[in-house]
N, C-alpha and C. Protein backbone atom coordinates (compact mmCIF):
# COMPACT_ATOMS: atom_id res chain seq x y z
N UNK A 1 47.28 19.67 -16.17
CA UNK A 1 47.09 20.92 -16.86
C UNK A 1 46.03 21.75 -16.14
N UNK A 2 46.26 23.04 -16.09
CA UNK A 2 45.38 23.89 -15.30
C UNK A 2 44.35 24.66 -16.12
N UNK A 3 44.45 24.63 -17.44
CA UNK A 3 43.52 25.39 -18.28
C UNK A 3 42.79 24.48 -19.26
N UNK A 4 41.61 24.97 -19.72
CA UNK A 4 40.82 24.26 -20.75
C UNK A 4 41.02 24.97 -22.08
N UNK A 5 41.26 24.17 -23.12
CA UNK A 5 41.55 24.71 -24.45
C UNK A 5 40.53 24.21 -25.46
N UNK A 6 40.19 25.07 -26.43
CA UNK A 6 39.33 24.69 -27.54
C UNK A 6 40.05 25.04 -28.84
N UNK A 7 40.06 24.10 -29.79
CA UNK A 7 40.63 24.30 -31.11
C UNK A 7 39.46 24.41 -32.09
N UNK A 8 39.45 25.46 -32.91
CA UNK A 8 38.27 25.70 -33.76
C UNK A 8 38.69 26.04 -35.18
N UNK A 9 38.13 25.30 -36.14
CA UNK A 9 38.26 25.64 -37.56
C UNK A 9 36.86 25.61 -38.17
N UNK A 10 36.76 25.51 -39.45
CA UNK A 10 35.44 25.60 -40.09
C UNK A 10 34.62 24.31 -39.96
N UNK A 11 35.25 23.16 -40.23
CA UNK A 11 34.50 21.91 -40.27
C UNK A 11 34.88 20.90 -39.19
N UNK A 12 35.80 21.24 -38.29
CA UNK A 12 36.26 20.33 -37.25
C UNK A 12 36.77 19.02 -37.85
N UNK A 13 37.61 19.18 -38.87
CA UNK A 13 38.17 18.02 -39.58
C UNK A 13 39.69 18.02 -39.61
N UNK A 14 40.28 19.10 -40.10
CA UNK A 14 41.70 19.08 -40.41
C UNK A 14 42.52 19.88 -39.40
N UNK A 15 42.43 21.20 -39.45
CA UNK A 15 43.31 22.03 -38.62
C UNK A 15 43.00 21.87 -37.12
N UNK A 16 41.72 22.00 -36.75
CA UNK A 16 41.37 21.88 -35.33
C UNK A 16 41.65 20.48 -34.80
N UNK A 17 41.43 19.46 -35.66
CA UNK A 17 41.64 18.09 -35.21
C UNK A 17 43.12 17.72 -35.10
N UNK A 18 43.95 18.26 -35.98
CA UNK A 18 45.39 18.03 -35.86
C UNK A 18 45.90 18.62 -34.55
N UNK A 19 45.48 19.85 -34.24
CA UNK A 19 45.89 20.47 -32.98
C UNK A 19 45.31 19.70 -31.78
N UNK A 20 44.05 19.31 -31.87
CA UNK A 20 43.40 18.55 -30.81
C UNK A 20 44.18 17.25 -30.55
N UNK A 21 44.52 16.55 -31.62
CA UNK A 21 45.27 15.30 -31.53
C UNK A 21 46.59 15.51 -30.79
N UNK A 22 47.35 16.54 -31.18
CA UNK A 22 48.66 16.78 -30.57
C UNK A 22 48.54 17.22 -29.11
N UNK A 23 47.61 18.12 -28.81
CA UNK A 23 47.44 18.57 -27.43
C UNK A 23 46.94 17.44 -26.53
N UNK A 24 46.05 16.61 -27.06
CA UNK A 24 45.54 15.48 -26.28
C UNK A 24 46.68 14.52 -25.93
N UNK A 25 47.58 14.28 -26.89
CA UNK A 25 48.73 13.41 -26.63
C UNK A 25 49.60 13.95 -25.50
N UNK A 26 49.65 15.26 -25.33
CA UNK A 26 50.49 15.88 -24.31
C UNK A 26 49.74 16.12 -23.00
N UNK A 27 48.51 15.61 -22.91
CA UNK A 27 47.78 15.67 -21.64
C UNK A 27 46.96 16.93 -21.42
N UNK A 28 46.78 17.76 -22.43
CA UNK A 28 45.98 18.97 -22.28
C UNK A 28 44.50 18.62 -22.16
N UNK A 29 43.75 19.46 -21.45
CA UNK A 29 42.29 19.40 -21.40
C UNK A 29 41.82 20.17 -22.63
N UNK A 30 41.52 19.45 -23.70
CA UNK A 30 41.26 20.09 -24.99
C UNK A 30 40.02 19.51 -25.65
N UNK A 31 39.31 20.39 -26.34
CA UNK A 31 38.16 20.01 -27.17
C UNK A 31 38.34 20.67 -28.52
N UNK A 32 37.52 20.29 -29.51
CA UNK A 32 37.62 20.93 -30.82
C UNK A 32 36.24 21.06 -31.43
N UNK A 33 36.14 22.05 -32.33
CA UNK A 33 34.86 22.41 -32.92
C UNK A 33 35.05 22.98 -34.32
N UNK A 34 33.92 23.11 -35.02
CA UNK A 34 33.85 23.82 -36.29
C UNK A 34 32.77 24.89 -36.19
N UNK A 35 32.84 25.89 -37.05
CA UNK A 35 31.86 26.97 -37.02
C UNK A 35 30.94 26.99 -38.24
N UNK A 36 31.19 26.13 -39.21
CA UNK A 36 30.39 26.16 -40.43
C UNK A 36 28.97 25.67 -40.20
N UNK A 37 28.15 25.85 -41.23
CA UNK A 37 26.77 25.35 -41.16
C UNK A 37 26.74 23.83 -41.32
N UNK A 38 27.70 23.31 -42.08
CA UNK A 38 27.83 21.87 -42.33
C UNK A 38 29.30 21.52 -42.32
N UNK A 39 29.57 20.24 -42.26
CA UNK A 39 30.93 19.73 -42.40
C UNK A 39 31.17 19.46 -43.88
N UNK A 40 32.21 20.08 -44.43
CA UNK A 40 32.51 19.89 -45.85
C UNK A 40 33.89 19.26 -46.00
N UNK A 41 33.93 18.22 -46.84
CA UNK A 41 35.19 17.58 -47.20
C UNK A 41 35.34 17.63 -48.70
N UNK A 42 36.58 17.69 -49.20
CA UNK A 42 36.77 17.74 -50.65
C UNK A 42 36.11 16.55 -51.34
N UNK A 43 35.57 16.81 -52.52
CA UNK A 43 34.96 15.77 -53.33
C UNK A 43 35.73 15.59 -54.62
N UNK A 44 35.10 15.00 -55.63
CA UNK A 44 35.78 14.78 -56.90
C UNK A 44 36.14 16.07 -57.62
N UNK A 45 35.42 17.18 -57.32
CA UNK A 45 35.75 18.49 -57.87
C UNK A 45 35.40 19.55 -56.84
N UNK A 46 35.84 20.80 -57.10
CA UNK A 46 35.55 21.88 -56.17
C UNK A 46 34.05 22.12 -56.02
N UNK A 47 33.30 21.86 -57.08
CA UNK A 47 31.85 22.08 -57.06
C UNK A 47 31.09 20.90 -56.46
N UNK A 48 31.79 19.83 -56.13
CA UNK A 48 31.13 18.64 -55.59
C UNK A 48 31.76 18.19 -54.26
N UNK A 49 31.67 19.06 -53.23
CA UNK A 49 32.21 18.62 -51.93
C UNK A 49 31.32 17.54 -51.32
N UNK A 50 31.87 16.82 -50.40
CA UNK A 50 31.09 15.89 -49.59
C UNK A 50 30.62 16.67 -48.37
N UNK A 51 29.31 16.71 -48.18
CA UNK A 51 28.73 17.52 -47.11
C UNK A 51 28.04 16.61 -46.11
N UNK A 52 28.34 16.84 -44.83
CA UNK A 52 27.75 16.06 -43.74
C UNK A 52 27.23 17.03 -42.67
N UNK A 53 26.35 16.54 -41.85
CA UNK A 53 25.88 17.32 -40.71
C UNK A 53 26.91 17.18 -39.57
N UNK A 54 27.03 18.23 -38.74
CA UNK A 54 27.81 18.08 -37.52
C UNK A 54 27.16 16.97 -36.71
N UNK A 55 27.97 16.17 -36.06
CA UNK A 55 27.47 15.03 -35.30
C UNK A 55 27.54 13.72 -36.07
N UNK A 56 27.78 13.79 -37.39
CA UNK A 56 27.97 12.58 -38.18
C UNK A 56 29.31 11.96 -37.77
N UNK A 57 29.31 10.70 -37.41
CA UNK A 57 30.53 10.05 -36.92
C UNK A 57 31.63 10.07 -37.98
N UNK A 58 32.86 10.31 -37.53
CA UNK A 58 34.00 10.25 -38.44
C UNK A 58 34.09 8.89 -39.12
N UNK A 59 33.77 7.83 -38.39
CA UNK A 59 33.82 6.49 -38.96
C UNK A 59 32.83 6.34 -40.12
N UNK A 60 31.64 6.94 -39.98
CA UNK A 60 30.65 6.91 -41.06
C UNK A 60 31.18 7.64 -42.29
N UNK A 61 31.80 8.80 -42.10
CA UNK A 61 32.38 9.56 -43.22
C UNK A 61 33.47 8.73 -43.90
N UNK A 62 34.30 8.10 -43.09
CA UNK A 62 35.38 7.27 -43.62
C UNK A 62 34.81 6.17 -44.51
N UNK A 63 33.82 5.44 -44.00
CA UNK A 63 33.21 4.34 -44.76
C UNK A 63 32.52 4.86 -46.02
N UNK A 64 31.84 5.99 -45.92
CA UNK A 64 31.13 6.58 -47.05
C UNK A 64 32.11 6.94 -48.17
N UNK A 65 33.21 7.60 -47.83
CA UNK A 65 34.17 8.02 -48.85
C UNK A 65 34.97 6.84 -49.39
N UNK A 66 35.24 5.87 -48.54
CA UNK A 66 35.94 4.67 -49.01
C UNK A 66 35.08 3.91 -50.01
N UNK A 67 33.78 3.94 -49.79
CA UNK A 67 32.85 3.28 -50.71
C UNK A 67 32.73 4.07 -52.03
N UNK A 68 32.73 5.40 -51.95
CA UNK A 68 32.56 6.24 -53.14
C UNK A 68 33.75 6.17 -54.09
N UNK A 69 34.95 6.36 -53.56
CA UNK A 69 36.15 6.39 -54.41
C UNK A 69 37.40 6.22 -53.54
N UNK A 70 37.73 4.97 -53.19
CA UNK A 70 38.83 4.75 -52.24
C UNK A 70 40.17 5.30 -52.73
N UNK A 71 40.44 5.23 -54.01
CA UNK A 71 41.72 5.72 -54.53
C UNK A 71 41.83 7.23 -54.40
N UNK A 72 40.78 7.94 -54.77
CA UNK A 72 40.80 9.41 -54.68
C UNK A 72 41.01 9.87 -53.24
N UNK A 73 40.23 9.32 -52.32
CA UNK A 73 40.28 9.80 -50.94
C UNK A 73 41.50 9.29 -50.18
N UNK A 74 42.11 8.24 -50.67
CA UNK A 74 43.39 7.81 -50.10
C UNK A 74 44.50 8.73 -50.62
N UNK A 75 44.46 9.01 -51.92
CA UNK A 75 45.48 9.84 -52.55
C UNK A 75 45.47 11.27 -52.00
N UNK A 76 44.27 11.83 -51.74
CA UNK A 76 44.24 13.21 -51.25
C UNK A 76 44.33 13.32 -49.73
N UNK A 77 44.51 12.19 -49.04
CA UNK A 77 44.75 12.19 -47.61
C UNK A 77 43.52 12.27 -46.72
N UNK A 78 42.33 12.28 -47.31
CA UNK A 78 41.11 12.43 -46.52
C UNK A 78 40.86 11.18 -45.66
N UNK A 79 41.08 10.00 -46.21
CA UNK A 79 40.85 8.78 -45.41
C UNK A 79 41.80 8.72 -44.22
N UNK A 80 43.05 9.07 -44.44
CA UNK A 80 44.03 9.08 -43.35
C UNK A 80 43.63 10.11 -42.28
N UNK A 81 43.18 11.28 -42.72
CA UNK A 81 42.75 12.31 -41.78
C UNK A 81 41.56 11.82 -40.94
N UNK A 82 40.58 11.20 -41.60
CA UNK A 82 39.40 10.70 -40.88
C UNK A 82 39.78 9.59 -39.90
N UNK A 83 40.74 8.77 -40.28
CA UNK A 83 41.22 7.71 -39.39
C UNK A 83 41.83 8.33 -38.13
N UNK A 84 42.65 9.38 -38.31
CA UNK A 84 43.23 10.09 -37.16
C UNK A 84 42.11 10.66 -36.29
N UNK A 85 41.11 11.26 -36.92
CA UNK A 85 40.01 11.88 -36.18
C UNK A 85 39.27 10.88 -35.30
N UNK A 86 39.12 9.65 -35.79
CA UNK A 86 38.42 8.63 -34.98
C UNK A 86 39.19 8.28 -33.71
N UNK A 87 40.50 8.54 -33.71
CA UNK A 87 41.31 8.29 -32.52
C UNK A 87 41.14 9.39 -31.48
N UNK A 88 40.60 10.53 -31.89
CA UNK A 88 40.48 11.69 -31.02
C UNK A 88 39.09 11.80 -30.40
N UNK A 89 38.06 11.65 -31.24
CA UNK A 89 36.68 11.74 -30.75
C UNK A 89 35.73 11.12 -31.76
N UNK A 90 34.48 11.06 -31.40
CA UNK A 90 33.48 10.35 -32.19
C UNK A 90 33.05 11.08 -33.46
N UNK A 91 32.80 12.39 -33.35
CA UNK A 91 32.20 13.14 -34.45
C UNK A 91 32.54 14.62 -34.34
N UNK A 92 32.47 15.35 -35.46
CA UNK A 92 32.69 16.79 -35.42
C UNK A 92 31.57 17.48 -34.63
N UNK A 93 31.96 18.52 -33.91
CA UNK A 93 31.01 19.28 -33.10
C UNK A 93 31.02 20.74 -33.58
N UNK A 94 29.88 21.38 -33.43
CA UNK A 94 29.74 22.78 -33.87
C UNK A 94 29.95 23.72 -32.68
N UNK A 95 30.82 24.71 -32.86
CA UNK A 95 31.13 25.67 -31.80
C UNK A 95 29.88 26.32 -31.24
N UNK A 96 29.00 26.76 -32.11
CA UNK A 96 27.82 27.51 -31.68
C UNK A 96 26.88 26.67 -30.82
N UNK A 97 27.06 25.35 -30.82
CA UNK A 97 26.21 24.46 -30.03
C UNK A 97 26.92 23.91 -28.79
N UNK A 98 28.03 24.53 -28.38
CA UNK A 98 28.88 23.94 -27.33
C UNK A 98 28.67 24.52 -25.94
N UNK A 99 27.70 25.37 -25.73
CA UNK A 99 27.56 26.06 -24.43
C UNK A 99 27.53 25.08 -23.26
N UNK A 100 26.95 23.92 -23.46
CA UNK A 100 26.86 22.93 -22.39
C UNK A 100 28.23 22.33 -22.03
N UNK A 101 29.22 22.51 -22.89
CA UNK A 101 30.56 21.98 -22.63
C UNK A 101 31.30 22.78 -21.55
N UNK A 102 30.73 23.90 -21.15
CA UNK A 102 31.35 24.71 -20.11
C UNK A 102 32.35 25.70 -20.68
N UNK A 103 32.87 26.57 -19.84
CA UNK A 103 33.78 27.62 -20.31
C UNK A 103 35.19 27.10 -20.60
N UNK A 104 35.82 27.73 -21.57
CA UNK A 104 37.22 27.46 -21.90
C UNK A 104 38.07 28.63 -21.44
N UNK A 105 39.32 28.38 -21.18
CA UNK A 105 40.25 29.45 -20.84
C UNK A 105 40.87 30.05 -22.09
N UNK A 106 41.14 29.18 -23.08
CA UNK A 106 41.80 29.61 -24.32
C UNK A 106 41.08 28.95 -25.49
N UNK A 107 40.74 29.76 -26.49
CA UNK A 107 40.17 29.26 -27.73
C UNK A 107 41.12 29.65 -28.85
N UNK A 108 41.56 28.66 -29.61
CA UNK A 108 42.49 28.90 -30.70
C UNK A 108 41.79 28.60 -32.02
N UNK A 109 41.74 29.60 -32.90
CA UNK A 109 41.14 29.42 -34.22
C UNK A 109 42.25 29.42 -35.28
N UNK A 110 41.89 28.95 -36.47
CA UNK A 110 42.92 28.79 -37.51
C UNK A 110 42.57 29.53 -38.81
N UNK A 111 41.61 30.45 -38.70
CA UNK A 111 41.18 31.22 -39.86
C UNK A 111 40.46 32.45 -39.33
N UNK A 112 40.72 33.61 -39.92
CA UNK A 112 40.18 34.85 -39.37
C UNK A 112 38.65 34.88 -39.35
N UNK A 113 38.00 34.33 -40.39
CA UNK A 113 36.53 34.35 -40.37
C UNK A 113 35.99 33.46 -39.24
N UNK A 114 36.70 32.39 -38.90
CA UNK A 114 36.32 31.53 -37.77
C UNK A 114 36.53 32.30 -36.46
N UNK A 115 37.63 33.01 -36.35
CA UNK A 115 37.91 33.86 -35.19
C UNK A 115 36.76 34.84 -34.98
N UNK A 116 36.35 35.51 -36.06
CA UNK A 116 35.26 36.48 -35.98
C UNK A 116 33.96 35.83 -35.52
N UNK A 117 33.68 34.63 -36.02
CA UNK A 117 32.46 33.91 -35.64
C UNK A 117 32.49 33.51 -34.16
N UNK A 118 33.64 33.08 -33.67
CA UNK A 118 33.77 32.70 -32.26
C UNK A 118 33.58 33.93 -31.38
N UNK A 119 34.22 35.04 -31.74
CA UNK A 119 34.09 36.27 -30.96
C UNK A 119 32.62 36.72 -30.95
N UNK A 120 31.99 36.70 -32.10
CA UNK A 120 30.58 37.11 -32.18
C UNK A 120 29.70 36.20 -31.32
N UNK A 121 29.93 34.90 -31.40
CA UNK A 121 29.14 33.96 -30.60
C UNK A 121 29.34 34.20 -29.11
N UNK A 122 30.57 34.41 -28.68
CA UNK A 122 30.84 34.65 -27.27
C UNK A 122 30.17 35.95 -26.81
N UNK A 123 30.18 36.98 -27.65
CA UNK A 123 29.54 38.25 -27.29
C UNK A 123 28.02 38.12 -27.19
N UNK A 124 27.44 37.19 -27.95
CA UNK A 124 25.99 37.00 -27.95
C UNK A 124 25.50 36.09 -26.81
N UNK A 125 26.41 35.42 -26.14
CA UNK A 125 26.03 34.55 -25.03
C UNK A 125 25.76 35.37 -23.77
N UNK A 126 25.00 34.80 -22.86
CA UNK A 126 24.80 35.44 -21.56
C UNK A 126 26.11 35.36 -20.78
N UNK A 127 26.54 36.49 -20.27
CA UNK A 127 27.78 36.54 -19.49
C UNK A 127 27.44 36.39 -18.02
N UNK A 128 27.42 35.16 -17.58
CA UNK A 128 27.01 34.85 -16.21
C UNK A 128 28.22 34.77 -15.29
N UNK A 129 29.28 34.14 -15.75
CA UNK A 129 30.45 33.89 -14.91
C UNK A 129 31.42 35.06 -14.86
N UNK A 130 31.40 35.91 -15.89
CA UNK A 130 32.36 36.99 -16.05
C UNK A 130 33.78 36.45 -15.96
N UNK A 131 33.95 35.27 -16.56
CA UNK A 131 35.25 34.59 -16.61
C UNK A 131 35.90 34.92 -17.95
N UNK A 132 37.14 35.43 -17.94
CA UNK A 132 37.77 35.79 -19.22
C UNK A 132 38.14 34.55 -20.04
N UNK A 133 38.07 34.70 -21.35
CA UNK A 133 38.54 33.67 -22.27
C UNK A 133 39.41 34.36 -23.31
N UNK A 134 40.58 33.80 -23.53
CA UNK A 134 41.52 34.32 -24.52
C UNK A 134 41.21 33.64 -25.85
N UNK A 135 40.94 34.42 -26.88
CA UNK A 135 40.66 33.89 -28.21
C UNK A 135 41.79 34.34 -29.12
N UNK A 136 42.48 33.38 -29.72
CA UNK A 136 43.64 33.65 -30.57
C UNK A 136 43.40 33.07 -31.96
N UNK A 137 43.78 33.82 -32.98
CA UNK A 137 43.75 33.27 -34.34
C UNK A 137 45.18 33.07 -34.83
N UNK A 138 45.45 31.84 -35.24
CA UNK A 138 46.70 31.44 -35.87
C UNK A 138 46.32 31.03 -37.29
N UNK A 139 46.55 31.90 -38.25
CA UNK A 139 46.10 31.65 -39.63
C UNK A 139 46.88 30.48 -40.25
N UNK A 140 46.14 29.44 -40.64
CA UNK A 140 46.73 28.23 -41.22
C UNK A 140 45.90 27.84 -42.45
N UNK A 141 46.57 27.61 -43.56
CA UNK A 141 45.87 27.14 -44.77
C UNK A 141 45.28 25.77 -44.49
N UNK A 142 44.15 25.51 -45.12
CA UNK A 142 43.44 24.25 -44.87
C UNK A 142 43.92 23.15 -45.82
N UNK A 143 45.13 22.68 -45.55
CA UNK A 143 45.64 21.50 -46.25
C UNK A 143 46.43 20.67 -45.23
N UNK A 144 46.70 19.43 -45.58
CA UNK A 144 47.31 18.51 -44.60
C UNK A 144 48.69 18.95 -44.12
N UNK A 145 49.53 19.42 -45.04
CA UNK A 145 50.88 19.83 -44.65
C UNK A 145 50.85 21.03 -43.71
N UNK A 146 50.06 22.05 -44.09
CA UNK A 146 49.97 23.25 -43.25
C UNK A 146 49.31 22.94 -41.91
N UNK A 147 48.32 22.03 -41.92
CA UNK A 147 47.66 21.65 -40.65
C UNK A 147 48.66 20.98 -39.71
N UNK A 148 49.56 20.19 -40.24
CA UNK A 148 50.58 19.53 -39.41
C UNK A 148 51.50 20.57 -38.77
N UNK A 149 51.94 21.54 -39.57
CA UNK A 149 52.78 22.62 -39.05
C UNK A 149 51.99 23.45 -38.04
N UNK A 150 50.76 23.79 -38.40
CA UNK A 150 49.90 24.59 -37.53
C UNK A 150 49.61 23.89 -36.22
N UNK A 151 49.43 22.58 -36.27
CA UNK A 151 49.19 21.81 -35.04
C UNK A 151 50.37 21.91 -34.08
N UNK A 152 51.59 21.83 -34.63
CA UNK A 152 52.79 21.97 -33.79
C UNK A 152 52.89 23.38 -33.22
N UNK A 153 52.58 24.39 -34.05
CA UNK A 153 52.59 25.77 -33.56
C UNK A 153 51.55 25.95 -32.45
N UNK A 154 50.36 25.38 -32.64
CA UNK A 154 49.30 25.47 -31.63
C UNK A 154 49.76 24.83 -30.32
N UNK A 155 50.38 23.67 -30.41
CA UNK A 155 50.89 23.00 -29.22
C UNK A 155 51.92 23.87 -28.50
N UNK A 156 52.87 24.42 -29.25
CA UNK A 156 53.91 25.27 -28.65
C UNK A 156 53.29 26.49 -27.98
N UNK A 157 52.33 27.11 -28.65
CA UNK A 157 51.68 28.29 -28.10
C UNK A 157 50.93 27.94 -26.82
N UNK A 158 50.20 26.85 -26.83
CA UNK A 158 49.45 26.43 -25.64
C UNK A 158 50.38 26.04 -24.49
N UNK A 159 51.52 25.45 -24.82
CA UNK A 159 52.50 25.13 -23.78
C UNK A 159 53.03 26.40 -23.12
N UNK A 160 53.25 27.44 -23.93
CA UNK A 160 53.71 28.72 -23.38
C UNK A 160 52.64 29.34 -22.47
N UNK A 161 51.40 29.28 -22.91
CA UNK A 161 50.31 29.84 -22.10
C UNK A 161 50.15 29.03 -20.82
N UNK A 162 50.22 27.71 -20.94
CA UNK A 162 50.06 26.83 -19.78
C UNK A 162 51.16 27.07 -18.74
N UNK A 163 52.34 27.46 -19.20
CA UNK A 163 53.48 27.66 -18.28
C UNK A 163 53.37 28.95 -17.47
N UNK A 164 52.44 29.83 -17.84
CA UNK A 164 52.31 31.09 -17.10
C UNK A 164 51.36 30.92 -15.92
N UNK A 165 51.58 31.73 -14.92
CA UNK A 165 50.67 31.74 -13.77
C UNK A 165 49.38 32.44 -14.14
N UNK A 166 49.51 33.54 -14.89
CA UNK A 166 48.35 34.37 -15.24
C UNK A 166 48.53 34.85 -16.68
N UNK A 167 47.82 34.23 -17.62
CA UNK A 167 48.02 34.59 -19.03
C UNK A 167 47.68 36.05 -19.29
N UNK A 168 46.77 36.63 -18.51
CA UNK A 168 46.38 38.02 -18.70
C UNK A 168 47.59 38.96 -18.56
N UNK A 169 48.52 38.60 -17.70
CA UNK A 169 49.70 39.43 -17.46
C UNK A 169 50.81 39.21 -18.48
N UNK A 170 50.80 38.09 -19.17
CA UNK A 170 51.94 37.76 -20.03
C UNK A 170 51.58 37.50 -21.49
N UNK A 171 50.32 37.69 -21.88
CA UNK A 171 49.94 37.35 -23.26
C UNK A 171 50.68 38.18 -24.30
N UNK A 172 50.91 39.46 -24.02
CA UNK A 172 51.63 40.29 -25.01
C UNK A 172 53.03 39.75 -25.26
N UNK A 173 53.72 39.39 -24.22
CA UNK A 173 55.07 38.84 -24.34
C UNK A 173 55.05 37.47 -25.05
N UNK A 174 54.08 36.64 -24.72
CA UNK A 174 53.95 35.33 -25.38
C UNK A 174 53.73 35.51 -26.88
N UNK A 175 52.85 36.44 -27.24
CA UNK A 175 52.55 36.69 -28.67
C UNK A 175 53.78 37.20 -29.40
N UNK A 176 54.48 38.17 -28.80
CA UNK A 176 55.68 38.73 -29.44
C UNK A 176 56.72 37.65 -29.67
N UNK A 177 56.98 36.83 -28.65
CA UNK A 177 57.98 35.75 -28.78
C UNK A 177 57.55 34.73 -29.82
N UNK A 178 56.26 34.36 -29.82
CA UNK A 178 55.75 33.39 -30.78
C UNK A 178 55.91 33.92 -32.21
N UNK A 179 55.53 35.17 -32.43
CA UNK A 179 55.62 35.75 -33.77
C UNK A 179 57.07 35.85 -34.23
N UNK A 180 57.96 36.16 -33.31
CA UNK A 180 59.38 36.25 -33.65
C UNK A 180 59.94 34.87 -34.04
N UNK A 181 59.56 33.85 -33.29
CA UNK A 181 60.07 32.50 -33.54
C UNK A 181 59.49 31.86 -34.79
N UNK A 182 58.21 32.10 -35.07
CA UNK A 182 57.52 31.39 -36.16
C UNK A 182 57.32 32.22 -37.41
N UNK A 183 57.47 33.54 -37.28
CA UNK A 183 57.18 34.47 -38.37
C UNK A 183 55.70 34.39 -38.78
N UNK A 184 54.86 34.01 -37.83
CA UNK A 184 53.41 33.95 -38.01
C UNK A 184 52.79 35.04 -37.16
N UNK A 185 51.89 35.81 -37.74
CA UNK A 185 51.18 36.85 -37.00
C UNK A 185 49.98 36.26 -36.28
N UNK A 186 49.78 36.66 -35.05
CA UNK A 186 48.62 36.22 -34.27
C UNK A 186 47.66 37.39 -34.11
N UNK A 187 46.40 37.07 -34.10
CA UNK A 187 45.34 38.01 -33.78
C UNK A 187 44.71 37.50 -32.51
N UNK A 188 44.47 38.37 -31.52
CA UNK A 188 43.85 37.86 -30.31
C UNK A 188 42.91 38.89 -29.69
N UNK A 189 42.01 38.37 -28.89
CA UNK A 189 41.01 39.19 -28.22
C UNK A 189 40.64 38.51 -26.92
N UNK A 190 40.09 39.27 -26.01
CA UNK A 190 39.62 38.69 -24.75
C UNK A 190 38.10 38.87 -24.71
N UNK A 191 37.42 37.82 -24.38
CA UNK A 191 35.97 37.85 -24.24
C UNK A 191 35.64 37.29 -22.86
N UNK A 192 34.35 37.08 -22.60
CA UNK A 192 33.94 36.60 -21.27
C UNK A 192 32.83 35.59 -21.37
N UNK A 193 32.77 34.69 -20.39
CA UNK A 193 31.67 33.77 -20.21
C UNK A 193 30.73 34.32 -19.18
């Protein structure tokens, strides 16, 4: 693969990790991140989420939730999701802390507010390389079923971008074809490193 890809959602748990998992299986150079202040997972009620710091190992979260209420977290798919995440990487990472990871060619977000945060962060960084980065938002609801569909869409989109010689020349056509095939609207912007 000739390009570096980043998948970004709020907590680096569901949408970004599903896409990361699928792209990694296909040999892509891919990383994933979250933009939130903390990692949040559903709890026993909407007012009682499970909150972790970025960098907390997925395995620790899995053990913690299995200890708290194994039936609840098995039934709502959180344990299965965390198990998948452990196969991809050690712990969730925060986008705003990733500068040392080097530049990406394509950043794919799954929520418009995350897209806005990524664009703002890129604009606030020192532009030393003047290397373009394509930032795309593919709006996906944060649930397991939608994340699975969104992960496949992300893979297909990245495969289309990877197949081009120069994404700058063909991104409009790629977006139009993707939207026609999936009936999903994409938002995109170009920023720089």
